[in-house]
């Protein structure tokens, strides 16, 4: 079933979460152990991230450099199939512009359709760590709106290199990302919202936000989004801070702010256990306030670890 159908039929806010595919060489067992406890809260869908290939340059004795792929988290399609089969929930794979040609995107969508996936989160993706800016693949998409258009075209039976609408019509529900504190590459929030509207106008049916720790920034974001004429559901993304390292890593990596009240408590923490207690309590407060303000779904970034999210959901759902 589509994410939008779950939202429209729900009588109360829904619980959902995102997982990371296991590293290459690891089994599905650990991933399932991170999912199993959270099924208690009846998530209608689970997001499965996709990490594009990274490269290293291997130096040979003759001095030549060889570009070697170090794809670290393969298996998104297979993981989606496993989750749907084992847990009887919708799997929502992330599909990126970065690292894919249009033909590879089409083939991935065909595979996902064959295994019964009905929902896609369409993202541009970040630049590889070895590059300082995003560069699309040759004959790939530079912008998420164009990826959305390709998915919507397949929903209308239009495939690449076909001049008429003769193909099988897929039925994907497409989500896109929103940034309450704006995308770090956008010069202003208004500029960022214009691009968000382009994604929705292209056919996106719901928005999932990047994590944030100040609910007021989310409320302000929603107000501005609605003023832009965007009326699709907006799902807030929540992540509890659970380690000392995340106090500096999350703001640096995701270009977001931690509220003063939260930082006042985190600065008192001496251990990861201390941080986890503060992070869980803050996320519980965030979640309850968001529900009180009518959000349709709360979406948690778990990093495939269930403990903190389980504690939050136990208090909220």
Protein backbone atom coordinates (compact mmCIF):
# COMPACT_ATOMS: atom_id res chain seq x y z
CA UNK A 1 0.00 0.00 0.00
CA UNK A 2 1.15 3.56 -0.61
CA UNK A 3 2.51 5.77 2.18
CA UNK A 4 -0.15 8.35 1.36
CA UNK A 5 -2.89 5.72 1.73
CA UNK A 6 -1.58 4.72 5.16
CA UNK A 7 -1.61 8.39 6.20
CA UNK A 8 -5.10 9.01 4.84
CA UNK A 9 -6.53 5.94 6.57
CA UNK A 10 -4.74 6.39 9.91
CA UNK A 11 -6.77 7.32 12.97
CA UNK A 12 -3.66 8.33 14.93
CA UNK A 13 -0.06 9.34 14.13
CA UNK A 14 2.01 6.53 12.67
CA UNK A 15 5.44 5.24 13.67
CA UNK A 16 8.15 4.54 11.09
CA UNK A 17 11.91 4.27 10.99
CA UNK A 18 14.94 4.08 8.71
CA UNK A 19 17.66 1.44 8.61
CA UNK A 20 21.10 1.12 7.04
CA UNK A 21 21.94 -1.91 4.88
CA UNK A 22 24.65 -4.01 6.53
CA UNK A 23 28.25 -3.49 5.47
CA UNK A 24 29.52 -5.74 2.71
CA UNK A 25 30.37 -9.11 4.17
CA UNK A 26 27.90 -8.86 7.06
CA UNK A 27 24.71 -10.89 7.31
CA UNK A 28 21.08 -9.85 7.53
CA UNK A 29 20.86 -11.29 11.06
CA UNK A 30 22.13 -8.22 12.91
CA UNK A 31 19.91 -5.94 10.84
CA UNK A 32 16.82 -7.99 11.67
CA UNK A 33 17.69 -7.85 15.36
CA UNK A 34 17.60 -4.05 15.03
CA UNK A 35 14.16 -4.21 13.43
CA UNK A 36 12.40 -6.91 15.46
CA UNK A 37 11.83 -4.95 18.71
CA UNK A 38 10.40 -1.95 16.83
CA UNK A 39 7.68 -4.05 15.18
CA UNK A 40 5.82 -3.81 18.50
CA UNK A 41 4.74 -0.31 17.43
CA UNK A 42 3.19 -1.42 14.11
CA UNK A 43 5.22 0.58 11.61
CA UNK A 44 3.46 0.56 8.24
CA UNK A 45 6.76 1.11 6.47
CA UNK A 46 10.53 0.92 6.96
CA UNK A 47 12.97 3.02 4.93
CA UNK A 48 16.10 1.36 3.55
CA UNK A 49 18.93 3.76 2.77
CA UNK A 50 21.26 3.50 -0.18
CA UNK A 51 24.93 4.46 0.01
CA UNK A 52 26.55 5.20 -3.32
CA UNK A 53 29.85 3.65 -4.26
CA UNK A 54 33.03 5.21 -2.93
CA UNK A 55 36.39 4.86 -4.66
CA UNK A 56 40.02 4.58 -3.65
CA UNK A 57 43.09 4.84 -5.86
CA UNK A 58 45.38 1.82 -5.58
CA UNK A 59 48.99 2.46 -6.57
CA UNK A 60 50.73 -0.27 -8.58
CA UNK A 61 54.50 -0.98 -8.57
CA UNK A 62 54.80 0.69 -11.98
CA UNK A 63 53.44 3.92 -10.49
CA UNK A 64 50.07 3.79 -12.22
CA UNK A 65 46.93 4.41 -10.17
CA UNK A 66 43.92 2.12 -10.41
CA UNK A 67 40.47 3.42 -9.44
CA UNK A 68 38.89 0.73 -7.27
CA UNK A 69 35.26 0.65 -6.13
CA UNK A 70 34.72 0.16 -2.40
CA UNK A 71 30.94 -0.11 -2.36
CA UNK A 72 30.33 -0.56 1.36
CA UNK A 73 26.59 -1.18 1.72
CA UNK A 74 25.18 -3.22 -1.18
CA UNK A 75 21.92 -5.12 -1.20
CA UNK A 76 19.16 -2.50 -0.89
CA UNK A 77 16.83 -4.35 -3.29
CA UNK A 78 17.43 -7.70 -1.60
CA UNK A 79 17.00 -6.17 1.86
CA UNK A 80 13.69 -4.63 0.83
CA UNK A 81 12.48 -8.05 -0.31
CA UNK A 82 13.67 -9.67 2.93
CA UNK A 83 11.97 -7.06 5.14
CA UNK A 84 8.69 -7.29 3.25
CA UNK A 85 8.74 -11.08 3.43
CA UNK A 86 9.78 -11.41 7.07
CA UNK A 87 7.99 -8.50 8.74
CA UNK A 88 5.02 -7.95 6.40
CA UNK A 89 5.59 -4.18 6.17
CA UNK A 90 6.23 -1.86 3.27
CA UNK A 91 9.90 -1.33 2.48
CA UNK A 92 10.78 2.11 1.12
CA UNK A 93 14.11 2.06 -0.71
CA UNK A 94 16.08 5.25 -1.22
CA UNK A 95 16.90 5.87 -4.87
CA UNK A 96 19.69 8.32 -5.69
CA UNK A 97 20.63 10.46 -8.63
CA UNK A 98 24.32 10.14 -7.73
CA UNK A 99 26.02 7.05 -9.07
CA UNK A 100 23.21 6.06 -11.45
CA UNK A 101 22.64 6.58 -15.15
CA UNK A 102 19.03 6.95 -16.29
CA UNK A 103 19.17 3.41 -17.67
CA UNK A 104 20.42 2.03 -14.34
CA UNK A 105 17.67 3.93 -12.58
CA UNK A 106 15.07 2.41 -14.89
CA UNK A 107 16.45 -1.09 -14.31
CA UNK A 108 16.44 -0.57 -10.53
CA UNK A 109 12.82 0.59 -10.66
CA UNK A 110 11.84 -2.44 -12.74
CA UNK A 111 13.48 -4.75 -10.17
CA UNK A 112 11.79 -2.96 -7.28
CA UNK A 113 8.42 -3.17 -9.02
CA UNK A 114 8.89 -6.91 -9.58
CA UNK A 115 9.43 -7.58 -5.85
CA UNK A 116 6.32 -5.57 -4.92
CA UNK A 117 7.81 -2.27 -3.75
CA UNK A 118 5.26 0.54 -4.11
CA UNK A 119 7.05 3.43 -2.42
CA UNK A 120 10.32 5.17 -3.30
CA UNK A 121 12.19 7.97 -1.53
CA UNK A 122 13.89 9.92 -4.33
CA UNK A 123 17.08 11.77 -3.38
CA UNK A 124 19.91 13.50 -5.17
CA UNK A 125 22.51 12.05 -2.84
CA UNK A 126 25.75 13.59 -1.64
CA UNK A 127 29.05 13.86 -3.42
CA UNK A 128 31.53 11.03 -2.76
CA UNK A 129 33.98 11.81 0.02
CA UNK A 130 36.75 12.05 -2.55
CA UNK A 131 34.96 14.88 -4.41
CA UNK A 132 34.14 18.38 -3.18
CA UNK A 133 30.87 18.78 -5.06
CA UNK A 134 28.09 16.67 -6.50
CA UNK A 135 28.59 15.69 -10.13
CA UNK A 136 25.94 13.55 -11.86
CA UNK A 137 26.85 10.44 -13.78
CA UNK A 138 27.09 10.83 -17.57
CA UNK A 139 23.48 10.46 -18.72
CA UNK A 140 22.37 10.58 -15.09
CA UNK A 141 20.12 13.00 -13.23
CA UNK A 142 21.55 16.20 -11.77
CA UNK A 143 18.43 17.06 -9.74
CA UNK A 144 15.89 15.12 -7.71
CA UNK A 145 13.00 16.65 -9.65
CA UNK A 146 14.26 14.89 -12.79
CA UNK A 147 14.51 11.56 -10.95
CA UNK A 148 10.93 12.08 -9.74
CA UNK A 149 9.83 12.76 -13.32
CA UNK A 150 11.41 9.52 -14.51
CA UNK A 151 9.57 7.54 -11.82
CA UNK A 152 6.28 9.27 -12.67
CA UNK A 153 6.87 8.59 -16.37
CA UNK A 154 7.08 4.87 -15.60
CA UNK A 155 3.82 5.19 -13.68
CA UNK A 156 2.35 6.36 -16.99
CA UNK A 157 3.97 3.57 -19.00
CA UNK A 158 6.69 5.77 -20.44
CA UNK A 159 10.12 4.14 -20.50
CA UNK A 160 13.46 5.39 -21.80
CA UNK A 161 13.94 5.25 -25.56
CA UNK A 162 10.23 4.52 -26.08
CA UNK A 163 8.37 7.11 -28.10
CA UNK A 164 4.87 5.95 -27.13
CA UNK A 165 3.21 4.98 -23.87
CA UNK A 166 3.24 1.25 -24.47
CA UNK A 167 5.01 -0.02 -21.35
CA UNK A 168 3.60 -1.56 -18.20
CA UNK A 169 2.42 1.17 -15.84
CA UNK A 170 4.11 1.01 -12.45
CA UNK A 171 2.37 2.49 -9.44
CA UNK A 172 5.09 4.03 -7.28
CA UNK A 173 4.34 6.58 -4.57
CA UNK A 174 7.29 8.98 -4.51
CA UNK A 175 8.61 10.78 -1.45
CA UNK A 176 11.31 13.45 -1.33
CA UNK A 177 13.45 15.09 1.34
CA UNK A 178 12.82 18.44 3.01
CA UNK A 179 15.23 20.48 5.12
CA UNK A 180 13.80 22.53 8.01
CA UNK A 181 17.17 24.29 8.35
CA UNK A 182 17.65 24.32 4.53
CA UNK A 183 19.95 22.19 2.43
CA UNK A 184 23.53 23.18 3.07
CA UNK A 185 24.10 24.03 -0.60
CA UNK A 186 21.08 26.35 -0.82
CA UNK A 187 21.88 30.06 -0.41
CA UNK A 188 18.60 30.65 1.47
CA UNK A 189 15.62 28.75 2.83
CA UNK A 190 13.32 30.43 0.29
CA UNK A 191 15.58 29.23 -2.54
CA UNK A 192 15.54 25.72 -1.06
CA UNK A 193 11.74 25.74 -0.82
CA UNK A 194 11.45 26.68 -4.49
CA UNK A 195 13.36 23.52 -5.34
CA UNK A 196 11.15 21.52 -2.97
CA UNK A 197 8.08 22.79 -4.82
CA UNK A 198 9.65 21.75 -8.12
CA UNK A 199 10.01 18.22 -6.74
CA UNK A 200 6.37 18.15 -5.65
CA UNK A 201 5.18 19.67 -8.93
CA UNK A 202 7.11 16.89 -10.70
CA UNK A 203 5.00 14.31 -8.86
CA UNK A 204 6.33 13.78 -5.32
CA UNK A 205 3.46 12.82 -2.99
CA UNK A 206 5.01 13.27 0.45
CA UNK A 207 8.01 14.87 2.17
CA UNK A 208 10.28 13.41 4.86
CA UNK A 209 12.46 15.92 6.67
CA UNK A 210 16.06 15.73 7.65
CA UNK A 211 16.58 15.34 11.39
CA UNK A 212 16.16 18.44 13.53
CA UNK A 213 16.31 19.09 17.26
CA UNK A 214 14.32 22.32 17.53
CA UNK A 215 10.62 21.73 16.88
CA UNK A 216 10.00 25.40 16.27
CA UNK A 217 12.21 25.19 13.19
CA UNK A 218 10.00 22.37 11.93
CA UNK A 219 6.82 24.32 12.62
CA UNK A 220 8.23 27.37 10.82
CA UNK A 221 9.29 25.15 7.92
CA UNK A 222 5.80 23.66 7.58
CA UNK A 223 4.25 27.13 7.60
CA UNK A 224 6.57 28.33 4.83
CA UNK A 225 6.03 25.13 2.82
CA UNK A 226 2.26 25.61 2.94
CA UNK A 227 2.64 29.26 1.95
CA UNK A 228 4.51 28.02 -1.16
CA UNK A 229 1.39 26.09 -2.17
CA UNK A 230 2.81 22.66 -1.24
CA UNK A 231 0.04 20.57 0.28
CA UNK A 232 1.45 17.03 0.45
CA UNK A 233 2.01 15.33 3.86
CA UNK A 234 5.17 16.36 5.71
CA UNK A 235 6.77 13.69 7.89
CA UNK A 236 9.25 14.90 10.54
CA UNK A 237 12.50 12.99 10.92
CA UNK A 238 13.78 12.46 14.47
CA UNK A 239 17.11 11.13 15.73
CA UNK A 240 18.09 10.80 19.37
CA UNK A 241 21.66 11.76 20.20
CA UNK A 242 23.26 8.70 21.76
CA UNK A 243 27.03 9.26 21.90
CA UNK A 244 29.46 11.98 22.89
CA UNK A 245 30.85 12.06 19.36
CA UNK A 246 27.45 12.86 17.86
CA UNK A 247 27.29 16.16 19.76
CA UNK A 248 29.76 17.64 17.29
CA UNK A 249 29.44 15.18 14.41
CA UNK A 250 25.72 15.62 13.70
CA UNK A 251 25.78 19.44 13.40
CA UNK A 252 28.93 19.27 11.28
CA UNK A 253 27.70 16.50 8.99
CA UNK A 254 24.08 17.57 8.57
CA UNK A 255 24.48 21.36 8.92
CA UNK A 256 21.99 21.76 11.74
CA UNK A 257 21.84 23.47 15.12
CA UNK A 258 21.38 22.02 18.58
CA UNK A 259 19.13 24.15 20.81
CA UNK A 260 20.74 25.85 23.81
CA UNK A 261 18.55 23.92 26.27
CA UNK A 262 19.68 20.63 24.79
CA UNK A 263 23.34 21.67 24.74
CA UNK A 264 23.16 22.79 28.37
CA UNK A 265 22.23 19.22 29.32
CA UNK A 266 24.66 17.54 26.93
CA UNK A 267 27.59 19.57 28.27
CA UNK A 268 27.04 17.94 31.66
CA UNK A 269 27.45 14.45 30.19
CA UNK A 270 30.64 12.49 30.86
CA UNK A 271 29.81 9.17 29.17
CA UNK A 272 27.87 7.84 26.21
CA UNK A 273 25.31 6.46 28.66
CA UNK A 274 24.77 9.98 30.03
CA UNK A 275 24.32 11.34 26.50
CA UNK A 276 21.88 8.58 25.62
CA UNK A 277 19.66 9.45 28.59
CA UNK A 278 19.57 13.11 27.60
CA UNK A 279 19.04 12.27 23.91
CA UNK A 280 16.18 9.88 24.56
CA UNK A 281 14.40 12.30 26.89
CA UNK A 282 14.78 15.13 24.38
CA UNK A 283 13.42 12.97 21.54
CA UNK A 284 10.45 11.92 23.68
CA UNK A 285 9.67 15.58 24.35
CA UNK A 286 10.06 16.38 20.64
CA UNK A 287 7.82 13.49 19.63
CA UNK A 288 5.01 14.33 22.02
CA UNK A 289 5.01 17.98 20.99
CA UNK A 290 4.97 17.08 17.30
CA UNK A 291 2.05 14.70 17.79
CA UNK A 292 0.17 17.39 19.72
CA UNK A 293 0.62 19.60 16.67
CA UNK A 294 -0.88 17.08 14.27
CA UNK A 295 1.98 15.44 12.38
CA UNK A 296 0.83 12.39 10.40
CA UNK A 297 3.89 10.20 11.05
CA UNK A 298 6.99 10.28 13.25
CA UNK A 299 9.98 8.89 11.37
CA UNK A 300 13.06 7.84 13.36
CA UNK A 301 16.62 7.55 12.12
CA UNK A 302 17.80 4.45 13.99
CA UNK A 303 21.16 3.71 12.29
CA UNK A 304 19.91 0.10 12.56
CA UNK A 305 20.11 0.19 16.38
CA UNK A 306 16.77 -0.32 18.10
CA UNK A 307 17.40 0.49 21.78
CA UNK A 308 17.02 4.27 21.87
CA UNK A 309 14.13 4.36 19.38
CA UNK A 310 12.37 1.56 21.27
CA UNK A 311 12.53 3.56 24.51
CA UNK A 312 11.15 6.64 22.76
CA UNK A 313 8.35 4.76 21.03
CA UNK A 314 7.39 3.02 24.28
CA UNK A 315 6.69 6.44 25.81
CA UNK A 316 5.03 8.00 22.77
CA UNK A 317 2.99 5.32 20.94
